[in-house]
Amino acid sequence: MAITDSWLRSTNGKPQEKMITKSDRDGLSVRVTSKGKIIFQLRYRWNGKGGSN
């Protein structure tokens, strides 16, 4: 499922029952905590080794 601007705005700051994780292509994912905080995560490979930032 795509991460859209309207979805981010509608969930920002709103408490959730549990943590929501939504992934987009190319290693980008978004986590929404139970308190409504949005966290972006980018997964990547460098010289064949995985990592995240």
PDB file of N, CA and C in Angstrom:
ATOM      1  N   MET A   1       0.845  -1.170   0.000  1.00  0.00           N
ATOM      2  CA  MET A   1       0.000   0.000   0.000  1.00  0.00           C
ATOM      3  C   MET A   1       0.895   1.240   0.000  1.00  0.00           C
ATOM      4  N   ALA A   2       0.516   2.228  -0.740  1.00  0.00           N
ATOM      5  CA  ALA A   2       1.327   3.429  -0.884  1.00  0.00           C
ATOM      6  C   ALA A   2       1.223   4.331   0.348  1.00  0.00           C
ATOM      7  N   ILE A   3       2.310   5.016   0.606  1.00  0.00           N
ATOM      8  CA  ILE A   3       2.344   6.011   1.674  1.00  0.00           C
ATOM      9  C   ILE A   3       1.990   7.344   1.025  1.00  0.00           C
ATOM     10  N   THR A   4       0.842   7.891   1.365  1.00  0.00           N
ATOM     11  CA  THR A   4       0.398   9.132   0.738  1.00  0.00           C
ATOM     12  C   THR A   4       0.402  10.279   1.743  1.00  0.00           C
ATOM     13  N   ASP A   5       0.431  11.477   1.212  1.00  0.00           N
ATOM     14  CA  ASP A   5       0.407  12.675   2.041  1.00  0.00           C
ATOM     15  C   ASP A   5      -0.882  12.746   2.855  1.00  0.00           C
ATOM     16  N   SER A   6      -1.996  12.416   2.229  1.00  0.00           N
ATOM     17  CA  SER A   6      -3.272  12.488   2.950  1.00  0.00           C
ATOM     18  C   SER A   6      -3.340  11.456   4.080  1.00  0.00           C
ATOM     19  N   TRP A   7      -2.775  10.250   3.869  1.00  0.00           N
ATOM     20  CA  TRP A   7      -2.753   9.241   4.933  1.00  0.00           C
ATOM     21  C   TRP A   7      -1.881   9.709   6.096  1.00  0.00           C
ATOM     22  N   LEU A   8      -0.711  10.289   5.782  1.00  0.00           N
ATOM     23  CA  LEU A   8       0.179  10.779   6.834  1.00  0.00           C
ATOM     24  C   LEU A   8      -0.476  11.893   7.646  1.00  0.00           C
ATOM     25  N   ARG A   9      -1.140  12.816   6.964  1.00  0.00           N
ATOM     26  CA  ARG A   9      -1.809  13.919   7.666  1.00  0.00           C
ATOM     27  C   ARG A   9      -2.963  13.423   8.536  1.00  0.00           C
ATOM     28  N   SER A  10      -3.674  12.407   8.066  1.00  0.00           N
ATOM     29  CA  SER A  10      -4.829  11.919   8.827  1.00  0.00           C
ATOM     30  C   SER A  10      -4.417  11.116  10.062  1.00  0.00           C
ATOM     31  N   THR A  11      -3.216  10.522  10.065  1.00  0.00           N
ATOM     32  CA  THR A  11      -2.781   9.733  11.216  1.00  0.00           C
ATOM     33  C   THR A  11      -1.844  10.489  12.145  1.00  0.00           C
ATOM     34  N   ASN A  12      -1.328  11.624  11.721  1.00  0.00           N
ATOM     35  CA  ASN A  12      -0.356  12.377  12.520  1.00  0.00           C
ATOM     36  C   ASN A  12      -0.978  12.886  13.816  1.00  0.00           C
ATOM     37  N   GLY A  13      -0.394  12.495  14.940  1.00  0.00           N
ATOM     38  CA  GLY A  13      -0.827  12.983  16.242  1.00  0.00           C
ATOM     39  C   GLY A  13      -2.055  12.306  16.808  1.00  0.00           C
ATOM     40  N   LYS A  14      -2.619  11.351  16.089  1.00  0.00           N
ATOM     41  CA  LYS A  14      -3.807  10.660  16.579  1.00  0.00           C
ATOM     42  C   LYS A  14      -3.406   9.330  17.205  1.00  0.00           C
ATOM     43  N   PRO A  15      -3.799   9.092  18.445  1.00  0.00           N
ATOM     44  CA  PRO A  15      -3.460   7.831  19.109  1.00  0.00           C
ATOM     45  C   PRO A  15      -4.021   6.626  18.350  1.00  0.00           C
ATOM     46  N   GLN A  16      -3.247   5.548  18.317  1.00  0.00           N
ATOM     47  CA  GLN A  16      -3.631   4.311  17.643  1.00  0.00           C
ATOM     48  C   GLN A  16      -3.727   3.193  18.681  1.00  0.00           C
ATOM     49  N   GLU A  17      -4.452   2.139  18.357  1.00  0.00           N
ATOM     50  CA  GLU A  17      -4.545   0.987  19.260  1.00  0.00           C
ATOM     51  C   GLU A  17      -3.209   0.283  19.389  1.00  0.00           C
ATOM     52  N   LYS A  18      -2.484   0.178  18.269  1.00  0.00           N
ATOM     53  CA  LYS A  18      -1.172  -0.471  18.257  1.00  0.00           C
ATOM     54  C   LYS A  18      -0.310   0.200  17.189  1.00  0.00           C
ATOM     55  N   MET A  19       0.973  -0.128  17.155  1.00  0.00           N
ATOM     56  CA  MET A  19       1.874   0.469  16.188  1.00  0.00           C
ATOM     57  C   MET A  19       1.507   0.008  14.775  1.00  0.00           C
ATOM     58  N   ILE A  20       1.436   0.952  13.853  1.00  0.00           N
ATOM     59  CA  ILE A  20       1.131   0.663  12.456  1.00  0.00           C
ATOM     60  C   ILE A  20       2.416   0.801  11.656  1.00  0.00           C
ATOM     61  N   THR A  21       2.709  -0.175  10.801  1.00  0.00           N
ATOM     62  CA  THR A  21       3.856  -0.107   9.903  1.00  0.00           C
ATOM     63  C   THR A  21       3.350  -0.215   8.481  1.00  0.00           C
ATOM     64  N   LYS A  22       3.744   0.747   7.646  1.00  0.00           N
ATOM     65  CA  LYS A  22       3.331   0.769   6.256  1.00  0.00           C
ATOM     66  C   LYS A  22       4.580   0.865   5.404  1.00  0.00           C
ATOM     67  N   SER A  23       4.731  -0.041   4.440  1.00  0.00           N
ATOM     68  CA  SER A  23       5.924  -0.059   3.598  1.00  0.00           C
ATOM     69  C   SER A  23       5.579   0.376   2.185  1.00  0.00           C
ATOM     70  N   ASP A  24       6.500   1.099   1.585  1.00  0.00           N
ATOM     71  CA  ASP A  24       6.407   1.494   0.197  1.00  0.00           C
ATOM     72  C   ASP A  24       7.533   0.776  -0.535  1.00  0.00           C
ATOM     73  N   ARG A  25       7.661   0.956  -1.798  1.00  0.00           N
ATOM     74  CA  ARG A  25       8.742   0.283  -2.520  1.00  0.00           C
ATOM     75  C   ARG A  25      10.074   0.978  -2.275  1.00  0.00           C
ATOM     76  N   ASP A  26      11.145   0.355  -2.698  1.00  0.00           N
ATOM     77  CA  ASP A  26      12.505   0.898  -2.598  1.00  0.00           C
ATOM     78  C   ASP A  26      12.983   1.089  -1.167  1.00  0.00           C
ATOM     79  N   GLY A  27      12.451   0.326  -0.212  1.00  0.00           N
ATOM     80  CA  GLY A  27      12.982   0.317   1.140  1.00  0.00           C
ATOM     81  C   GLY A  27      12.440   1.365   2.094  1.00  0.00           C
ATOM     82  N   LEU A  28      11.503   2.201   1.665  1.00  0.00           N
ATOM     83  CA  LEU A  28      10.944   3.219   2.552  1.00  0.00           C
ATOM     84  C   LEU A  28       9.774   2.637   3.333  1.00  0.00           C
ATOM     85  N   SER A  29       9.763   2.866   4.635  1.00  0.00           N
ATOM     86  CA  SER A  29       8.627   2.452   5.453  1.00  0.00           C
ATOM     87  C   SER A  29       8.332   3.534   6.486  1.00  0.00           C
ATOM     88  N   VAL A  30       7.105   3.511   6.974  1.00  0.00           N
ATOM     89  CA  VAL A  30       6.636   4.481   7.960  1.00  0.00           C
ATOM     90  C   VAL A  30       6.036   3.708   9.115  1.00  0.00           C
ATOM     91  N   ARG A  31       6.362   4.131  10.322  1.00  0.00           N
ATOM     92  CA  ARG A  31       5.761   3.562  11.527  1.00  0.00           C
ATOM     93  C   ARG A  31       4.988   4.665  12.234  1.00  0.00           C
ATOM     94  N   VAL A  32       3.793   4.323  12.695  1.00  0.00           N
ATOM     95  CA  VAL A  32       2.992   5.240  13.504  1.00  0.00           C
ATOM     96  C   VAL A  32       2.861   4.587  14.865  1.00  0.00           C
ATOM     97  N   THR A  33       3.378   5.255  15.896  1.00  0.00           N
ATOM     98  CA  THR A  33       3.352   4.695  17.239  1.00  0.00           C
ATOM     99  C   THR A  33       1.949   4.782  17.834  1.00  0.00           C
ATOM    100  N   SER A  34       1.769   4.153  18.978  1.00  0.00           N
ATOM    101  CA  SER A  34       0.463   4.176  19.639  1.00  0.00           C
ATOM    102  C   SER A  34       0.084   5.583  20.101  1.00  0.00           C
ATOM    103  N   LYS A  35       1.072   6.471  20.236  1.00  0.00           N
ATOM    104  CA  LYS A  35       0.796   7.861  20.614  1.00  0.00           C
ATOM    105  C   LYS A  35       0.579   8.764  19.403  1.00  0.00           C
ATOM    106  N   GLY A  36       0.746   8.228  18.184  1.00  0.00           N
ATOM    107  CA  GLY A  36       0.506   8.996  16.969  1.00  0.00           C
ATOM    108  C   GLY A  36       1.749   9.623  16.370  1.00  0.00           C
ATOM    109  N   LYS A  37       2.918   9.274  16.867  1.00  0.00           N
ATOM    110  CA  LYS A  37       4.165   9.821  16.333  1.00  0.00           C
ATOM    111  C   LYS A  37       4.542   9.071  15.060  1.00  0.00           C
ATOM    112  N   ILE A  38       4.959   9.796  14.013  1.00  0.00           N
ATOM    113  CA  ILE A  38       5.329   9.198  12.735  1.00  0.00           C
ATOM    114  C   ILE A  38       6.840   9.075  12.650  1.00  0.00           C
ATOM    115  N   ILE A  39       7.314   7.874  12.303  1.00  0.00           N
ATOM    116  CA  ILE A  39       8.745   7.594  12.182  1.00  0.00           C
ATOM    117  C   ILE A  39       8.997   7.025  10.792  1.00  0.00           C
ATOM    118  N   PHE A  40       9.924   7.647  10.048  1.00  0.00           N
ATOM    119  CA  PHE A  40      10.305   7.148   8.730  1.00  0.00           C
ATOM    120  C   PHE A  40      11.534   6.270   8.867  1.00  0.00           C
ATOM    121  N   GLN A  41      11.600   5.204   8.052  1.00  0.00           N
ATOM    122  CA  GLN A  41      12.754   4.312   8.055  1.00  0.00           C
ATOM    123  C   GLN A  41      13.099   3.984   6.608  1.00  0.00           C
ATOM    124  N   LEU A  42      14.401   4.028   6.292  1.00  0.00           N
ATOM    125  CA  LEU A  42      14.881   3.680   4.960  1.00  0.00           C
ATOM    126  C   LEU A  42      15.851   2.518   5.080  1.00  0.00           C
ATOM    127  N   ARG A  43      15.546   1.416   4.431  1.00  0.00           N
ATOM    128  CA  ARG A  43      16.432   0.245   4.422  1.00  0.00           C
ATOM    129  C   ARG A  43      17.248   0.294   3.139  1.00  0.00           C
ATOM    130  N   TYR A  44      18.542  -0.030   3.256  1.00  0.00           N
ATOM    131  CA  TYR A  44      19.432   0.054   2.101  1.00  0.00           C
ATOM    132  C   TYR A  44      20.497  -1.027   2.175  1.00  0.00           C
ATOM    133  N   ARG A  45      21.234  -1.203   1.087  1.00  0.00           N
ATOM    134  CA  ARG A  45      22.359  -2.135   1.025  1.00  0.00           C
ATOM    135  C   ARG A  45      23.600  -1.352   0.634  1.00  0.00           C
ATOM    136  N   TRP A  46      24.699  -1.632   1.316  1.00  0.00           N
ATOM    137  CA  TRP A  46      25.985  -1.002   1.026  1.00  0.00           C
ATOM    138  C   TRP A  46      27.022  -2.112   0.956  1.00  0.00           C
ATOM    139  N   ASN A  47      27.597  -2.323  -0.211  1.00  0.00           N
ATOM    140  CA  ASN A  47      28.563  -3.400  -0.439  1.00  0.00           C
ATOM    141  C   ASN A  47      28.016  -4.764  -0.026  1.00  0.00           C
ATOM    142  N   GLY A  48      26.761  -5.005  -0.338  1.00  0.00           N
ATOM    143  CA  GLY A  48      26.149  -6.298  -0.058  1.00  0.00           C
ATOM    144  C   GLY A  48      25.678  -6.498   1.365  1.00  0.00           C
ATOM    145  N   LYS A  49      25.881  -5.520   2.227  1.00  0.00           N
ATOM    146  CA  LYS A  49      25.447  -5.628   3.617  1.00  0.00           C
ATOM    147  C   LYS A  49      24.211  -4.758   3.820  1.00  0.00           C
ATOM    148  N   GLY A  50      23.241  -5.308   4.521  1.00  0.00           N
ATOM    149  CA  GLY A  50      22.016  -4.575   4.778  1.00  0.00           C
ATOM    150  C   GLY A  50      22.188  -3.569   5.899  1.00  0.00           C
ATOM    151  N   GLY A  51      21.361  -2.556   5.873  1.00  0.00           N
ATOM    152  CA  GLY A  51      21.383  -1.546   6.924  1.00  0.00           C
ATOM    153  C   GLY A  51      20.087  -0.774   6.916  1.00  0.00           C
ATOM    154  N   SER A  52      19.919   0.075   7.873  1.00  0.00           N
ATOM    155  CA  SER A  52      18.745   0.942   7.907  1.00  0.00           C
ATOM    156  C   SER A  52      19.151   2.266   8.512  1.00  0.00           C
ATOM    157  N   ASN A  53      18.396   3.268   8.150  1.00  0.00           N
ATOM    158  CA  ASN A  53      18.676   4.614   8.624  1.00  0.00           C
ATOM    159  C   ASN A  53      17.381   5.312   8.935  1.00  0.00           C
TER     160      ASN A  53
END
